Amino acid sequence: MKTIDTRDVTRYSPLIPAVTALCEATAGEQLEIIMSDPQAFNDLKEYLAEQGIGFREIYDGEELSVEFRKP
């Protein structure tokens, strides 16, 4: 599983490295995106749902994670 941690991203939206990782992943690759920004987390979940990509959301205090496999 490839993990992308966007918790320290402050100069731009944490969605940028998350979507970049999704685009660069190969078919079938499993990804974990870790975020601390609730709005970006909700936007990412909405994007994945719109693309028909199933995901698992994990809440651990202020750490928010989404795990999914690229179709």
PDB file of N, CA and C in Angstrom:
ATOM      1  N   MET A   1       0.844  -1.170   0.000  1.00  0.00           N
ATOM      2  CA  MET A   1       0.000   0.000   0.000  1.00  0.00           C
ATOM      3  C   MET A   1       0.892   1.237   0.000  1.00  0.00           C
ATOM      4  N   LYS A   2       0.564   2.179  -0.860  1.00  0.00           N
ATOM      5  CA  LYS A   2       1.291   3.439  -0.941  1.00  0.00           C
ATOM      6  C   LYS A   2       0.565   4.448  -0.044  1.00  0.00           C
ATOM      7  N   THR A   3       1.310   5.124   0.829  1.00  0.00           N
ATOM      8  CA  THR A   3       0.728   6.095   1.754  1.00  0.00           C
ATOM      9  C   THR A   3       1.140   7.500   1.366  1.00  0.00           C
ATOM     10  N   ILE A   4       0.152   8.388   1.276  1.00  0.00           N
ATOM     11  CA  ILE A   4       0.395   9.792   0.975  1.00  0.00           C
ATOM     12  C   ILE A   4      -0.078  10.580   2.184  1.00  0.00           C
ATOM     13  N   ASP A   5       0.839  11.248   2.861  1.00  0.00           N
ATOM     14  CA  ASP A   5       0.529  11.993   4.073  1.00  0.00           C
ATOM     15  C   ASP A   5       0.491  13.475   3.730  1.00  0.00           C
ATOM     16  N   THR A   6      -0.698  14.069   3.796  1.00  0.00           N
ATOM     17  CA  THR A   6      -0.850  15.482   3.435  1.00  0.00           C
ATOM     18  C   THR A   6      -1.040  16.367   4.666  1.00  0.00           C
ATOM     19  N   ARG A   7      -0.804  15.841   5.862  1.00  0.00           N
ATOM     20  CA  ARG A   7      -1.046  16.611   7.084  1.00  0.00           C
ATOM     21  C   ARG A   7      -0.167  17.851   7.199  1.00  0.00           C
ATOM     22  N   ASP A   8       1.007  17.851   6.632  1.00  0.00           N
ATOM     23  CA  ASP A   8       1.916  18.992   6.751  1.00  0.00           C
ATOM     24  C   ASP A   8       1.848  19.938   5.552  1.00  0.00           C
ATOM     25  N   VAL A   9       0.912  19.690   4.644  1.00  0.00           N
ATOM     26  CA  VAL A   9       0.785  20.553   3.467  1.00  0.00           C
ATOM     27  C   VAL A   9       0.100  21.844   3.894  1.00  0.00           C
ATOM     28  N   THR A  10       0.823  22.960   3.805  1.00  0.00           N
ATOM     29  CA  THR A  10       0.254  24.247   4.213  1.00  0.00           C
ATOM     30  C   THR A  10       0.318  25.300   3.104  1.00  0.00           C
ATOM     31  N   ARG A  11       1.159  25.090   2.118  1.00  0.00           N
ATOM     32  CA  ARG A  11       1.320  26.099   1.071  1.00  0.00           C
ATOM     33  C   ARG A  11       0.251  26.008  -0.005  1.00  0.00           C
ATOM     34  N   TYR A  12      -0.430  24.886  -0.111  1.00  0.00           N
ATOM     35  CA  TYR A  12      -1.470  24.683  -1.105  1.00  0.00           C
ATOM     36  C   TYR A  12      -2.424  23.634  -0.583  1.00  0.00           C
ATOM     37  N   SER A  13      -3.440  23.325  -1.332  1.00  0.00           N
ATOM     38  CA  SER A  13      -4.465  22.373  -0.896  1.00  0.00           C
ATOM     39  C   SER A  13      -3.899  20.968  -0.765  1.00  0.00           C
ATOM     40  N   PRO A  14      -4.279  20.246   0.296  1.00  0.00           N
ATOM     41  CA  PRO A  14      -3.845  18.855   0.431  1.00  0.00           C
ATOM     42  C   PRO A  14      -4.443  17.951  -0.639  1.00  0.00           C
ATOM     43  N   LEU A  15      -5.414  18.461  -1.392  1.00  0.00           N
ATOM     44  CA  LEU A  15      -5.986  17.667  -2.476  1.00  0.00           C
ATOM     45  C   LEU A  15      -5.004  17.484  -3.628  1.00  0.00           C
ATOM     46  N   ILE A  16      -4.091  18.420  -3.793  1.00  0.00           N
ATOM     47  CA  ILE A  16      -3.149  18.346  -4.914  1.00  0.00           C
ATOM     48  C   ILE A  16      -2.277  17.095  -4.828  1.00  0.00           C
ATOM     49  N   PRO A  17      -1.572  16.829  -3.715  1.00  0.00           N
ATOM     50  CA  PRO A  17      -0.784  15.593  -3.671  1.00  0.00           C
ATOM     51  C   PRO A  17      -1.662  14.335  -3.655  1.00  0.00           C
ATOM     52  N   ALA A  18      -2.870  14.439  -3.108  1.00  0.00           N
ATOM     53  CA  ALA A  18      -3.772  13.279  -3.071  1.00  0.00           C
ATOM     54  C   ALA A  18      -4.208  12.890  -4.478  1.00  0.00           C
ATOM     55  N   VAL A  19      -4.653  13.852  -5.262  1.00  0.00           N
ATOM     56  CA  VAL A  19      -5.117  13.564  -6.620  1.00  0.00           C
ATOM     57  C   VAL A  19      -3.933  13.209  -7.522  1.00  0.00           C
ATOM     58  N   THR A  20      -2.786  13.835  -7.302  1.00  0.00           N
ATOM     59  CA  THR A  20      -1.585  13.486  -8.065  1.00  0.00           C
ATOM     60  C   THR A  20      -1.226  12.021  -7.843  1.00  0.00           C
ATOM     61  N   ALA A  21      -1.261  11.581  -6.603  1.00  0.00           N
ATOM     62  CA  ALA A  21      -0.961  10.171  -6.302  1.00  0.00           C
ATOM     63  C   ALA A  21      -1.955   9.243  -6.966  1.00  0.00           C
ATOM     64  N   LEU A  22      -3.222   9.620  -6.974  1.00  0.00           N
ATOM     65  CA  LEU A  22      -4.245   8.811  -7.626  1.00  0.00           C
ATOM     66  C   LEU A  22      -3.967   8.709  -9.122  1.00  0.00           C
ATOM     67  N   CYS A  23      -3.617   9.813  -9.753  1.00  0.00           N
ATOM     68  CA  CYS A  23      -3.339   9.814 -11.198  1.00  0.00           C
ATOM     69  C   CYS A  23      -2.089   8.997 -11.537  1.00  0.00           C
ATOM     70  N   GLU A  24      -1.091   9.032 -10.669  1.00  0.00           N
ATOM     71  CA  GLU A  24       0.169   8.334 -10.943  1.00  0.00           C
ATOM     72  C   GLU A  24       0.123   6.849 -10.566  1.00  0.00           C
ATOM     73  N   ALA A  25      -0.866   6.443  -9.779  1.00  0.00           N
ATOM     74  CA  ALA A  25      -0.965   5.043  -9.346  1.00  0.00           C
ATOM     75  C   ALA A  25      -1.312   4.140 -10.526  1.00  0.00           C
ATOM     76  N   THR A  26      -0.846   2.918 -10.451  1.00  0.00           N
ATOM     77  CA  THR A  26      -1.183   1.944 -11.484  1.00  0.00           C
ATOM     78  C   THR A  26      -2.491   1.255 -11.114  1.00  0.00           C
ATOM     79  N   ALA A  27      -3.140   0.678 -12.100  1.00  0.00           N
ATOM     80  CA  ALA A  27      -4.408  -0.011 -11.860  1.00  0.00           C
ATOM     81  C   ALA A  27      -4.212  -1.115 -10.823  1.00  0.00           C
ATOM     82  N   GLY A  28      -5.093  -1.159  -9.842  1.00  0.00           N
ATOM     83  CA  GLY A  28      -5.025  -2.161  -8.799  1.00  0.00           C
ATOM     84  C   GLY A  28      -4.170  -1.778  -7.608  1.00  0.00           C
ATOM     85  N   GLU A  29      -3.429  -0.677  -7.720  1.00  0.00           N
ATOM     86  CA  GLU A  29      -2.575  -0.251  -6.609  1.00  0.00           C
ATOM     87  C   GLU A  29      -3.436   0.274  -5.463  1.00  0.00           C
ATOM     88  N   GLN A  30      -3.084  -0.096  -4.251  1.00  0.00           N
ATOM     89  CA  GLN A  30      -3.829   0.339  -3.079  1.00  0.00           C
ATOM     90  C   GLN A  30      -3.171   1.588  -2.514  1.00  0.00           C
ATOM     91  N   LEU A  31      -3.994   2.599  -2.207  1.00  0.00           N
ATOM     92  CA  LEU A  31      -3.499   3.867  -1.697  1.00  0.00           C
ATOM     93  C   LEU A  31      -4.132   4.190  -0.356  1.00  0.00           C
ATOM     94  N   GLU A  32      -3.379   4.895   0.466  1.00  0.00           N
ATOM     95  CA  GLU A  32      -3.897   5.450   1.714  1.00  0.00           C
ATOM     96  C   GLU A  32      -3.549   6.931   1.706  1.00  0.00           C
ATOM     97  N   ILE A  33      -4.555   7.778   1.834  1.00  0.00           N
ATOM     98  CA  ILE A  33      -4.347   9.219   1.895  1.00  0.00           C
ATOM     99  C   ILE A  33      -4.640   9.652   3.328  1.00  0.00           C
ATOM    100  N   ILE A  34      -3.669  10.295   3.974  1.00  0.00           N
ATOM    101  CA  ILE A  34      -3.841  10.777   5.344  1.00  0.00           C
ATOM    102  C   ILE A  34      -3.960  12.295   5.299  1.00  0.00           C
ATOM    103  N   MET A  35      -4.992  12.816   5.977  1.00  0.00           N
ATOM    104  CA  MET A  35      -5.242  14.251   5.978  1.00  0.00           C
ATOM    105  C   MET A  35      -5.559  14.736   7.383  1.00  0.00           C
ATOM    106  N   SER A  36      -5.447  16.040   7.585  1.00  0.00           N
ATOM    107  CA  SER A  36      -5.888  16.659   8.826  1.00  0.00           C
ATOM    108  C   SER A  36      -6.885  17.776   8.543  1.00  0.00           C
ATOM    109  N   ASP A  37      -7.136  18.053   7.279  1.00  0.00           N
ATOM    110  CA  ASP A  37      -8.064  19.102   6.855  1.00  0.00           C
ATOM    111  C   ASP A  37      -9.424  18.466   6.555  1.00  0.00           C
ATOM    112  N   PRO A  38     -10.429  18.683   7.415  1.00  0.00           N
ATOM    113  CA  PRO A  38     -11.734  18.035   7.219  1.00  0.00           C
ATOM    114  C   PRO A  38     -12.414  18.407   5.894  1.00  0.00           C
ATOM    115  N   GLN A  39     -12.267  19.646   5.438  1.00  0.00           N
ATOM    116  CA  GLN A  39     -12.907  20.047   4.185  1.00  0.00           C
ATOM    117  C   GLN A  39     -12.276  19.317   3.002  1.00  0.00           C
ATOM    118  N   ALA A  40     -10.949  19.246   2.979  1.00  0.00           N
ATOM    119  CA  ALA A  40     -10.261  18.526   1.897  1.00  0.00           C
ATOM    120  C   ALA A  40     -10.606  17.039   1.954  1.00  0.00           C
ATOM    121  N   PHE A  41     -10.717  16.493   3.153  1.00  0.00           N
ATOM    122  CA  PHE A  41     -11.088  15.088   3.337  1.00  0.00           C
ATOM    123  C   PHE A  41     -12.463  14.824   2.732  1.00  0.00           C
ATOM    124  N   ASN A  42     -13.424  15.699   3.017  1.00  0.00           N
ATOM    125  CA  ASN A  42     -14.771  15.538   2.454  1.00  0.00           C
ATOM    126  C   ASN A  42     -14.759  15.705   0.940  1.00  0.00           C
ATOM    127  N   ASP A  43     -13.966  16.645   0.437  1.00  0.00           N
ATOM    128  CA  ASP A  43     -13.866  16.840  -1.011  1.00  0.00           C
ATOM    129  C   ASP A  43     -13.281  15.604  -1.688  1.00  0.00           C
ATOM    130  N   LEU A  44     -12.264  14.996  -1.065  1.00  0.00           N
ATOM    131  CA  LEU A  44     -11.658  13.795  -1.633  1.00  0.00           C
ATOM    132  C   LEU A  44     -12.657  12.643  -1.653  1.00  0.00           C
ATOM    133  N   LYS A  45     -13.398  12.460  -0.568  1.00  0.00           N
ATOM    134  CA  LYS A  45     -14.408  11.399  -0.525  1.00  0.00           C
ATOM    135  C   LYS A  45     -15.476  11.620  -1.598  1.00  0.00           C
ATOM    136  N   GLU A  46     -15.885  12.869  -1.778  1.00  0.00           N
ATOM    137  CA  GLU A  46     -16.885  13.181  -2.804  1.00  0.00           C
ATOM    138  C   GLU A  46     -16.340  12.869  -4.195  1.00  0.00           C
ATOM    139  N   TYR A  47     -15.084  13.219  -4.449  1.00  0.00           N
ATOM    140  CA  TYR A  47     -14.459  12.946  -5.745  1.00  0.00           C
ATOM    141  C   TYR A  47     -14.397  11.441  -6.005  1.00  0.00           C
ATOM    142  N   LEU A  48     -13.950  10.679  -5.014  1.00  0.00           N
ATOM    143  CA  LEU A  48     -13.856   9.227  -5.179  1.00  0.00           C
ATOM    144  C   LEU A  48     -15.231   8.629  -5.452  1.00  0.00           C
ATOM    145  N   ALA A  49     -16.248   9.087  -4.744  1.00  0.00           N
ATOM    146  CA  ALA A  49     -17.608   8.584  -4.950  1.00  0.00           C
ATOM    147  C   ALA A  49     -18.097   8.915  -6.356  1.00  0.00           C
ATOM    148  N   GLU A  50     -17.824  10.134  -6.829  1.00  0.00           N
ATOM    149  CA  GLU A  50     -18.233  10.532  -8.179  1.00  0.00           C
ATOM    150  C   GLU A  50     -17.550   9.672  -9.239  1.00  0.00           C
ATOM    151  N   GLN A  51     -16.316   9.228  -8.954  1.00  0.00           N
ATOM    152  CA  GLN A  51     -15.570   8.397  -9.900  1.00  0.00           C
ATOM    153  C   GLN A  51     -15.938   6.919  -9.783  1.00  0.00           C
ATOM    154  N   GLY A  52     -16.792   6.593  -8.816  1.00  0.00           N
ATOM    155  CA  GLY A  52     -17.194   5.208  -8.622  1.00  0.00           C
ATOM    156  C   GLY A  52     -16.119   4.367  -7.955  1.00  0.00           C
ATOM    157  N   ILE A  53     -15.230   5.001  -7.210  1.00  0.00           N
ATOM    158  CA  ILE A  53     -14.155   4.303  -6.525  1.00  0.00           C
ATOM    159  C   ILE A  53     -14.583   4.072  -5.074  1.00  0.00           C
ATOM    160  N   GLY A  54     -14.683   2.818  -4.687  1.00  0.00           N
ATOM    161  CA  GLY A  54     -15.032   2.496  -3.312  1.00  0.00           C
ATOM    162  C   GLY A  54     -13.867   2.804  -2.389  1.00  0.00           C
ATOM    163  N   PHE A  55     -14.167   3.197  -1.182  1.00  0.00           N
ATOM    164  CA  PHE A  55     -13.108   3.559  -0.245  1.00  0.00           C
ATOM    165  C   PHE A  55     -13.531   3.247   1.176  1.00  0.00           C
ATOM    166  N   ARG A  56     -12.544   3.217   2.047  1.00  0.00           N
ATOM    167  CA  ARG A  56     -12.766   3.036   3.472  1.00  0.00           C
ATOM    168  C   ARG A  56     -12.242   4.273   4.172  1.00  0.00           C
ATOM    169  N   GLU A  57     -13.055   4.878   5.041  1.00  0.00           N
ATOM    170  CA  GLU A  57     -12.622   6.061   5.775  1.00  0.00           C
ATOM    171  C   GLU A  57     -12.279   5.667   7.207  1.00  0.00           C
ATOM    172  N   ILE A  58     -11.200   6.264   7.710  1.00  0.00           N
ATOM    173  CA  ILE A  58     -10.705   5.952   9.050  1.00  0.00           C
ATOM    174  C   ILE A  58     -10.526   7.274   9.795  1.00  0.00           C
ATOM    175  N   TYR A  59     -11.084   7.334  10.987  1.00  0.00           N
ATOM    176  CA  TYR A  59     -10.972   8.521  11.826  1.00  0.00           C
ATOM    177  C   TYR A  59     -10.154   8.160  13.058  1.00  0.00           C
ATOM    178  N   ASP A  60      -9.067   8.888  13.300  1.00  0.00           N
ATOM    179  CA  ASP A  60      -8.222   8.644  14.455  1.00  0.00           C
ATOM    180  C   ASP A  60      -7.845  10.005  15.045  1.00  0.00           C
ATOM    181  N   GLY A  61      -8.700  10.516  15.906  1.00  0.00           N
ATOM    182  CA  GLY A  61      -8.463  11.848  16.462  1.00  0.00           C
ATOM    183  C   GLY A  61      -8.559  12.883  15.359  1.00  0.00           C
ATOM    184  N   GLU A  62      -7.509  13.669  15.198  1.00  0.00           N
ATOM    185  CA  GLU A  62      -7.488  14.689  14.148  1.00  0.00           C
ATOM    186  C   GLU A  62      -6.965  14.140  12.820  1.00  0.00           C
ATOM    187  N   GLU A  63      -6.546  12.889  12.809  1.00  0.00           N
ATOM    188  CA  GLU A  63      -6.041  12.259  11.586  1.00  0.00           C
ATOM    189  C   GLU A  63      -7.189  11.578  10.847  1.00  0.00           C
ATOM    190  N   LEU A  64      -7.345  11.923   9.599  1.00  0.00           N
ATOM    191  CA  LEU A  64      -8.395  11.370   8.742  1.00  0.00           C
ATOM    192  C   LEU A  64      -7.729  10.611   7.605  1.00  0.00           C
ATOM    193  N   SER A  65      -8.157   9.392   7.357  1.00  0.00           N
ATOM    194  CA  SER A  65      -7.550   8.588   6.299  1.00  0.00           C
ATOM    195  C   SER A  65      -8.607   8.002   5.386  1.00  0.00           C
ATOM    196  N   VAL A  66      -8.231   7.849   4.136  1.00  0.00           N
ATOM    197  CA  VAL A  66      -9.056   7.175   3.149  1.00  0.00           C
ATOM    198  C   VAL A  66      -8.180   6.107   2.510  1.00  0.00           C
ATOM    199  N   GLU A  67      -8.675   4.885   2.454  1.00  0.00           N
ATOM    200  CA  GLU A  67      -7.975   3.786   1.793  1.00  0.00           C
ATOM    201  C   GLU A  67      -8.819   3.314   0.630  1.00  0.00           C
ATOM    202  N   PHE A  68      -8.165   3.098  -0.517  1.00  0.00           N
ATOM    203  CA  PHE A  68      -8.883   2.626  -1.698  1.00  0.00           C
ATOM    204  C   PHE A  68      -7.912   1.990  -2.663  1.00  0.00           C
ATOM    205  N   ARG A  69      -8.455   1.275  -3.625  1.00  0.00           N
ATOM    206  CA  ARG A  69      -7.672   0.646  -4.678  1.00  0.00           C
ATOM    207  C   ARG A  69      -8.036   1.325  -5.988  1.00  0.00           C
ATOM    208  N   LYS A  70      -7.019   1.737  -6.754  1.00  0.00           N
ATOM    209  CA  LYS A  70      -7.275   2.386  -8.031  1.00  0.00           C
ATOM    210  C   LYS A  70      -7.836   1.355  -9.005  1.00  0.00           C
ATOM    211  N   PRO A  71      -8.957   1.701  -9.647  1.00  0.00           N
ATOM    212  CA  PRO A  71      -9.545   0.740 -10.602  1.00  0.00           C
ATOM    213  C   PRO A  71      -8.686   0.543 -11.828  1.00  0.00           C
TER     214      PRO A  71
END
